[in-house]
Amino acid sequence: MDLYELPDFDGHEQVVFGYDASTGLRAVIAIHSTTLGPAAGGCRMWPYACTREALTDALRLSRGMSYKNAMAELPLGGGKAVILGESRRGKTPQLFQAFGRLVDSLGGRYLTAEDVGTTTTDMEWVAGVTRYVSGLSRKEGEVGGDPGPQTALGVYLGIKAAVTFQLDRDLAGLTVAVQGLGGVGRPLCRLLAADGARLKVADVRPGAAEQLRDELGAEVVPADDIVVEAADVFAPCALGAVLNRRTIPTLRARVVAGAANNQLAREEDGHALMRAGILYAPDYVINAGGIINVAHEYRGGACEARVRADIGKIPGRLTEIFERARCEERPTSVVADQMARERLTRAA
């Protein structure tokens, strides 16, 4: 496996492989860029089929974090960590302490936090051996903790902006199909329902969808069918690559706006969405609420109102991308990538 020849290698500054025999830790940390500051991005734990699959995920996610932090105007670069393992039964404090020592060995070039498959509790274990971690438990009134609700807030505001731009209306009476009801999808549904949206929901865990059916009156849809459901908005909030050559022709929504990272399987899929007349909210712009929260927690000195005010800038950034894409007749994904690279170049 030649790292430098992999399709998702994008001039990454550093890629570190970590192994700890006593705990079984197998991890990859990818640092894409430290141009704007230390590379920040969460730690994902997932049962990857092989090391190459884990490495590819780390490379793609870390580049996305560089673009996300640049577009959110944060003094942070882009990085990501992945742990190879089953999060439902493979966790121990010792495993995350070993991961913390790996993070600490980088001397602050990479800042970690929770992501898919990891939690605030896991990060507390990491914090026992390194200070380069956020997403920790907080006291009342303090900034920090689980970044999921803050991500959901940004996605909710971004959906409103996309609906206004594409459909020229508000959320009341619209149907939103939400794929994935975890730490972001669930609070997102509550925000959407409070605004009068009708919900169709799906999750690989049936109980998660049934809970929102009972709580919010959401319509439960089989996980394999949510992409093709009739809806005004499709909100992918699970794993990436959901928008691809197979699924895009089946979409019945006019807006795609959700929290999942790396929603496009390939760059060409952004062009396919544009040709289909579907407005796509670039994932790393709309889902930046969590990293905004993490950044304020790590730097300290901010209040929750400041965090919410910065998250409130997400709709304006999206609208700028939408307008520029329409004017230039280019996909929103391509426009967002160019804007992010321009910011990184100026900083360099």
Protein backbone atom coordinates (compact mmCIF):
# COMPACT_ATOMS: atom_id res chain seq x y z
CA MET A 1 0.00 0.00 0.00
CA ASP A 2 1.64 3.22 -1.21
CA LEU A 3 0.21 6.07 0.87
CA TYR A 4 1.27 8.76 -1.58
CA GLU A 5 -0.52 7.07 -4.48
CA LEU A 6 -3.88 6.68 -2.74
CA PRO A 7 -6.66 8.70 -4.44
CA ASP A 8 -7.56 10.45 -1.17
CA PHE A 9 -4.02 11.51 -0.28
CA ASP A 10 -4.10 15.30 -0.71
CA GLY A 11 -0.69 16.55 0.34
CA HIS A 12 -1.35 15.57 3.96
CA GLU A 13 1.33 16.88 6.28
CA GLN A 14 1.48 13.81 8.50
CA VAL A 15 -0.13 10.39 8.84
CA VAL A 16 0.51 8.40 12.01
CA PHE A 17 -0.30 4.76 12.67
CA GLY A 18 -0.66 3.75 16.31
CA TYR A 19 -0.65 0.29 17.86
CA ASP A 20 -0.74 -0.82 21.47
CA ALA A 21 -0.41 -4.55 22.09
CA SER A 22 -1.74 -4.51 25.65
CA THR A 23 -5.07 -2.88 24.74
CA GLY A 24 -5.41 -3.90 21.09
CA LEU A 25 -5.45 -0.28 19.94
CA ARG A 26 -5.13 0.13 16.19
CA ALA A 27 -5.51 3.74 15.14
CA VAL A 28 -4.71 6.18 12.36
CA ILE A 29 -4.30 9.94 12.82
CA ALA A 30 -4.24 11.99 9.61
CA ILE A 31 -3.13 15.63 9.73
CA HIS A 32 -4.14 17.34 6.51
CA SER A 33 -3.13 20.93 7.25
CA THR A 34 -1.87 23.08 10.11
CA THR A 35 -1.81 26.26 8.03
CA LEU A 36 -4.50 27.93 10.15
CA GLY A 37 -3.55 26.31 13.46
CA PRO A 38 -3.35 22.91 15.14
CA ALA A 39 -5.22 20.22 13.23
CA ALA A 40 -8.59 19.61 14.89
CA GLY A 41 -11.07 16.84 14.25
CA GLY A 42 -12.86 14.10 16.11
CA CYS A 43 -11.95 10.49 16.75
CA ARG A 44 -14.14 7.93 14.99
CA MET A 45 -14.37 4.28 16.15
CA TRP A 46 -15.65 1.91 13.51
CA PRO A 47 -15.27 -1.79 12.56
CA TYR A 48 -13.37 -1.14 9.34
CA ALA A 49 -12.85 -4.17 7.14
CA CYS A 50 -9.14 -3.46 6.75
CA THR A 51 -6.42 -0.91 7.50
CA ARG A 52 -6.65 0.60 4.01
CA GLU A 53 -10.37 1.33 4.51
CA ALA A 54 -9.61 3.05 7.82
CA LEU A 55 -6.77 5.04 6.26
CA THR A 56 -8.98 6.18 3.38
CA ASP A 57 -11.61 7.38 5.84
CA ALA A 58 -9.02 9.26 7.89
CA LEU A 59 -7.58 10.94 4.78
CA ARG A 60 -10.98 12.05 3.47
CA LEU A 61 -12.27 13.20 6.84
CA SER A 62 -9.12 15.14 7.71
CA ARG A 63 -9.22 17.08 4.44
CA GLY A 64 -12.87 17.82 5.12
CA MET A 65 -11.89 19.20 8.54
CA SER A 66 -9.35 21.55 6.93
CA TYR A 67 -12.08 22.89 4.67
CA LYS A 68 -14.64 22.97 7.48
CA ASN A 69 -12.42 24.95 9.84
CA ALA A 70 -11.36 27.32 7.08
CA MET A 71 -14.95 28.05 6.08
CA ALA A 72 -15.98 28.47 9.72
CA GLU A 73 -13.16 31.03 10.11
CA LEU A 74 -11.59 29.11 12.98
CA PRO A 75 -7.88 29.27 13.87
CA LEU A 76 -7.61 25.52 13.38
CA GLY A 77 -6.26 23.17 10.77
CA GLY A 78 -7.71 19.86 9.72
CA GLY A 79 -7.10 16.42 11.19
CA LYS A 80 -8.96 13.24 12.02
CA ALA A 81 -8.40 10.06 13.98
CA VAL A 82 -9.95 6.65 13.44
CA ILE A 83 -9.82 3.64 15.72
CA LEU A 84 -10.36 0.23 14.17
CA GLY A 85 -12.85 -1.56 16.39
CA GLU A 86 -16.45 -2.22 17.36
CA SER A 87 -17.63 0.68 19.52
CA ARG A 88 -20.50 -1.27 21.07
CA ARG A 89 -18.30 -3.86 22.72
CA GLY A 90 -14.64 -3.03 22.12
CA LYS A 91 -14.19 -0.04 24.45
CA THR A 92 -12.10 0.08 27.61
CA PRO A 93 -10.59 2.99 29.55
CA GLN A 94 -7.17 1.53 28.80
CA LEU A 95 -7.82 1.59 25.05
CA PHE A 96 -8.62 5.30 25.08
CA GLN A 97 -5.73 6.06 27.38
CA ALA A 98 -3.45 4.39 24.83
CA PHE A 99 -5.08 6.51 22.13
CA GLY A 100 -4.52 9.58 24.31
CA ARG A 101 -0.82 8.80 24.54
CA LEU A 102 -0.71 8.60 20.73
CA VAL A 103 -2.38 12.03 20.51
CA ASP A 104 0.00 13.42 23.12
CA SER A 105 3.04 12.17 21.19
CA LEU A 106 2.17 14.68 18.45
CA GLY A 107 2.82 17.58 20.83
CA GLY A 108 -0.34 19.55 20.07
CA ARG A 109 -0.29 19.27 16.27
CA TYR A 110 -3.59 17.38 16.54
CA LEU A 111 -6.58 18.10 18.83
CA THR A 112 -9.13 15.31 19.24
CA ALA A 113 -12.78 15.11 20.31
CA GLU A 114 -15.67 12.64 19.99
CA ASP A 115 -17.12 11.54 16.67
CA VAL A 116 -19.08 8.57 15.36
CA GLY A 117 -18.64 5.69 17.80
CA THR A 118 -17.06 7.72 20.59
CA THR A 119 -18.53 9.70 23.47
CA THR A 120 -17.82 12.33 26.09
CA THR A 121 -16.91 9.55 28.51
CA ASP A 122 -14.32 8.20 26.06
CA MET A 123 -12.78 11.67 25.78
CA GLU A 124 -12.60 11.91 29.58
CA TRP A 125 -10.39 8.81 29.49
CA VAL A 126 -8.27 10.42 26.77
CA ALA A 127 -8.00 13.59 28.86
CA GLY A 128 -6.38 11.58 31.64
CA VAL A 129 -3.18 11.37 29.60
CA THR A 130 -3.23 14.41 27.28
CA ARG A 131 -4.49 17.97 27.28
CA TYR A 132 -5.02 17.99 23.52
CA VAL A 133 -8.68 16.98 23.70
CA SER A 134 -12.10 18.69 23.81
CA GLY A 135 -15.69 17.56 24.05
CA LEU A 136 -15.39 16.94 27.78
CA SER A 137 -18.10 17.03 30.42
CA ARG A 138 -19.04 20.54 31.46
CA LYS A 139 -20.66 22.32 34.33
CA GLU A 140 -23.84 24.36 33.93
CA GLY A 141 -23.11 27.49 31.90
CA GLU A 142 -19.74 26.28 30.60
CA VAL A 143 -18.95 25.85 26.90
CA GLY A 144 -18.14 22.30 25.88
CA GLY A 145 -19.53 18.83 26.29
CA ASP A 146 -21.16 16.75 23.58
CA PRO A 147 -20.89 18.76 20.31
CA GLY A 148 -23.81 16.89 18.74
CA PRO A 149 -26.58 19.34 19.73
CA GLN A 150 -24.53 22.28 18.44
CA THR A 151 -23.97 20.46 15.14
CA ALA A 152 -27.72 19.87 14.96
CA LEU A 153 -28.40 23.57 15.54
CA GLY A 154 -26.14 24.55 12.64
CA VAL A 155 -27.72 21.96 10.34
CA TYR A 156 -31.20 23.16 11.29
CA LEU A 157 -30.28 26.76 10.47
CA GLY A 158 -28.64 25.61 7.26
CA ILE A 159 -31.72 23.67 6.18
CA LYS A 160 -33.82 26.80 6.71
CA ALA A 161 -31.41 28.80 4.53
CA ALA A 162 -31.43 26.15 1.79
CA VAL A 163 -35.24 25.91 1.81
CA THR A 164 -35.55 29.69 1.58
CA PHE A 165 -33.11 29.80 -1.35
CA GLN A 166 -34.46 26.82 -3.30
CA LEU A 167 -38.16 26.77 -2.42
CA ASP A 168 -38.76 30.38 -1.29
CA ARG A 169 -40.67 29.35 1.84
CA ASP A 170 -40.22 28.31 5.46
CA LEU A 171 -40.25 24.87 7.03
CA ALA A 172 -43.88 24.76 8.15
CA GLY A 173 -45.65 21.96 6.30
CA LEU A 174 -42.54 20.75 4.46
CA THR A 175 -41.48 17.10 4.61
CA VAL A 176 -37.93 16.37 5.74
CA ALA A 177 -36.51 12.84 5.44
CA VAL A 178 -33.82 12.34 8.09
CA GLN A 179 -31.38 9.45 7.71
CA GLY A 180 -29.61 8.58 10.97
CA LEU A 181 -30.95 9.38 14.43
CA GLY A 182 -27.84 9.52 16.57
CA GLY A 183 -26.34 12.38 18.52
CA VAL A 184 -27.09 14.89 15.71
CA GLY A 185 -30.06 13.46 13.85
CA ARG A 186 -32.22 13.15 16.95
CA PRO A 187 -31.90 16.77 18.19
CA LEU A 188 -32.18 17.96 14.58
CA CYS A 189 -35.57 16.26 14.30
CA ARG A 190 -36.80 18.04 17.41
CA LEU A 191 -35.78 21.42 16.02
CA LEU A 192 -37.43 20.71 12.67
CA ALA A 193 -40.65 19.49 14.30
CA ALA A 194 -40.83 22.60 16.45
CA ASP A 195 -40.83 24.62 13.22
CA GLY A 196 -43.76 22.68 11.80
CA ALA A 197 -41.90 20.30 9.49
CA ARG A 198 -43.32 16.83 8.82
CA LEU A 199 -40.71 14.15 9.48
CA LYS A 200 -39.83 10.87 7.86
CA VAL A 201 -37.09 9.13 9.82
CA ALA A 202 -34.88 6.07 9.48
CA ASP A 203 -32.10 4.45 11.44
CA VAL A 204 -30.42 1.05 11.39
CA ARG A 205 -31.58 0.74 15.01
CA PRO A 206 -35.39 0.36 14.80
CA GLY A 207 -35.91 1.60 18.34
CA ALA A 208 -34.38 4.98 17.53
CA ALA A 209 -36.94 5.67 14.81
CA GLU A 210 -39.85 4.38 16.88
CA GLN A 211 -38.89 6.74 19.72
CA LEU A 212 -39.26 9.76 17.43
CA ARG A 213 -42.50 8.37 16.04
CA ASP A 214 -43.91 8.33 19.57
CA GLU A 215 -42.38 11.67 20.58
CA LEU A 216 -42.82 13.77 17.44
CA GLY A 217 -45.31 11.90 15.28
CA ALA A 218 -42.60 11.10 12.73
CA GLU A 219 -43.26 8.53 10.01
CA VAL A 220 -40.87 5.59 10.33
CA VAL A 221 -39.26 4.47 7.07
CA PRO A 222 -37.03 1.40 6.54
CA ALA A 223 -33.37 2.39 6.60
CA ASP A 224 -32.78 1.15 3.05
CA ASP A 225 -35.68 3.20 1.66
CA ILE A 226 -35.20 6.65 3.21
CA VAL A 227 -33.11 7.97 0.31
CA VAL A 228 -35.92 7.38 -2.19
CA GLU A 229 -38.75 8.70 0.00
CA ALA A 230 -40.86 11.56 -1.33
CA ALA A 231 -39.73 14.63 0.64
CA ASP A 232 -38.87 18.28 0.14
CA VAL A 233 -35.57 17.91 1.99
CA PHE A 234 -33.30 14.90 2.40
CA ALA A 235 -31.08 15.23 5.49
CA PRO A 236 -28.34 12.58 5.62
CA CYS A 237 -27.07 12.34 9.20
CA ALA A 238 -25.43 8.91 9.19
CA LEU A 239 -22.22 7.88 7.43
CA GLY A 240 -20.74 9.25 4.23
CA ALA A 241 -20.89 8.47 0.49
CA VAL A 242 -24.70 8.32 0.56
CA LEU A 243 -24.86 10.52 -2.55
CA ASN A 244 -23.51 8.45 -5.41
CA ARG A 245 -24.19 7.30 -8.96
CA ARG A 246 -26.76 4.79 -7.70
CA THR A 247 -28.72 6.96 -5.25
CA ILE A 248 -28.76 10.38 -6.92
CA PRO A 249 -31.09 9.30 -9.79
CA THR A 250 -33.57 8.02 -7.17
CA LEU A 251 -33.71 11.18 -5.04
CA ARG A 252 -37.12 12.83 -4.88
CA ALA A 253 -36.09 15.80 -2.72
CA ARG A 254 -35.20 19.22 -4.11
CA VAL A 255 -32.80 20.00 -1.25
CA VAL A 256 -30.08 17.83 0.30
CA ALA A 257 -28.84 19.25 3.59
CA GLY A 258 -27.61 17.12 6.46
CA ALA A 259 -24.95 16.47 9.06
CA ALA A 260 -23.06 13.48 7.63
CA ASN A 261 -19.45 14.00 6.58
CA ASN A 262 -18.27 13.23 3.05
CA GLN A 263 -21.78 12.83 1.66
CA LEU A 264 -20.55 12.82 -1.95
CA ALA A 265 -18.94 9.54 -2.95
CA ARG A 266 -17.06 11.29 -5.78
CA GLU A 267 -16.50 14.86 -6.92
CA GLU A 268 -18.62 14.15 -10.02
CA ASP A 269 -21.64 13.51 -7.80
CA GLY A 270 -21.87 17.23 -7.08
CA HIS A 271 -22.28 17.81 -10.81
CA ALA A 272 -24.98 15.12 -10.95
CA LEU A 273 -26.97 16.85 -8.20
CA MET A 274 -26.76 20.17 -10.02
CA ARG A 275 -27.95 18.59 -13.29
CA ALA A 276 -30.87 17.05 -11.41
CA GLY A 277 -31.91 20.46 -10.08
CA ILE A 278 -31.19 19.48 -6.48
CA LEU A 279 -29.65 22.09 -4.18
CA TYR A 280 -26.83 20.55 -2.12
CA ALA A 281 -25.62 22.19 1.09
CA PRO A 282 -21.90 21.26 1.30
CA ASP A 283 -21.56 19.05 4.34
CA TYR A 284 -18.50 20.62 5.93
CA VAL A 285 -20.14 24.06 5.84
CA ILE A 286 -23.55 23.13 7.23
CA ASN A 287 -22.27 20.74 9.93
CA ALA A 288 -19.65 23.07 11.43
CA GLY A 289 -21.59 23.77 14.65
CA GLY A 290 -19.86 21.00 16.55
CA ILE A 291 -16.32 22.09 15.73
CA ILE A 292 -17.24 25.69 16.52
CA ASN A 293 -18.31 24.49 19.97
CA VAL A 294 -15.14 22.39 20.35
CA ALA A 295 -12.93 25.32 19.32
CA HIS A 296 -14.44 27.64 21.91
CA GLU A 297 -14.16 24.95 24.59
CA TYR A 298 -10.48 24.35 23.85
CA ARG A 299 -9.56 28.02 23.68
CA GLY A 300 -11.67 28.92 26.72
CA GLY A 301 -13.16 32.25 27.71
CA ALA A 302 -16.36 32.02 25.63
CA CYS A 303 -19.96 31.81 26.74
CA GLU A 304 -22.74 29.75 25.20
CA ALA A 305 -24.25 32.86 23.62
CA ARG A 306 -20.99 33.46 21.74
CA VAL A 307 -20.98 29.88 20.47
CA ARG A 308 -24.57 30.18 19.25
CA ALA A 309 -23.79 33.52 17.59
CA ASP A 310 -20.92 31.94 15.64
CA ILE A 311 -23.08 28.98 14.65
CA GLY A 312 -25.63 31.54 13.48
CA LYS A 313 -23.20 32.56 10.73
CA ILE A 314 -23.58 29.22 8.94
CA PRO A 315 -26.73 30.21 6.95
CA GLY A 316 -24.99 33.29 5.54
CA ARG A 317 -22.02 31.23 4.38
CA LEU A 318 -24.30 28.72 2.71
CA THR A 319 -26.31 31.41 0.97
CA GLU A 320 -23.10 32.94 -0.38
CA ILE A 321 -22.16 29.53 -1.81
CA PHE A 322 -25.64 29.00 -3.29
CA GLU A 323 -25.64 32.42 -4.96
CA ARG A 324 -22.14 32.05 -6.34
CA ALA A 325 -22.91 28.56 -7.66
CA ARG A 326 -26.06 29.78 -9.40
CA CYS A 327 -24.28 32.76 -10.91
CA GLU A 328 -21.31 30.70 -12.13
CA GLU A 329 -23.41 27.65 -13.10
CA ARG A 330 -21.22 25.35 -11.05
CA PRO A 331 -22.01 22.77 -8.34
CA THR A 332 -22.19 24.11 -4.80
CA SER A 333 -19.65 21.45 -3.78
CA VAL A 334 -17.10 22.76 -6.28
CA VAL A 335 -17.67 26.37 -5.24
CA ALA A 336 -17.28 25.52 -1.54
CA ASP A 337 -14.05 23.60 -2.17
CA GLN A 338 -12.63 26.53 -4.11
CA MET A 339 -13.57 29.00 -1.38
CA ALA A 340 -11.95 26.81 1.29
CA ARG A 341 -8.75 26.39 -0.72
CA GLU A 342 -8.62 30.14 -1.33
CA ARG A 343 -8.76 30.78 2.41
CA LEU A 344 -6.03 28.24 3.08
CA THR A 345 -3.85 29.71 0.35
CA ARG A 346 -4.25 33.24 1.69
CA ALA A 347 -3.30 32.05 5.16
CA ALA A 348 -0.25 30.19 3.84
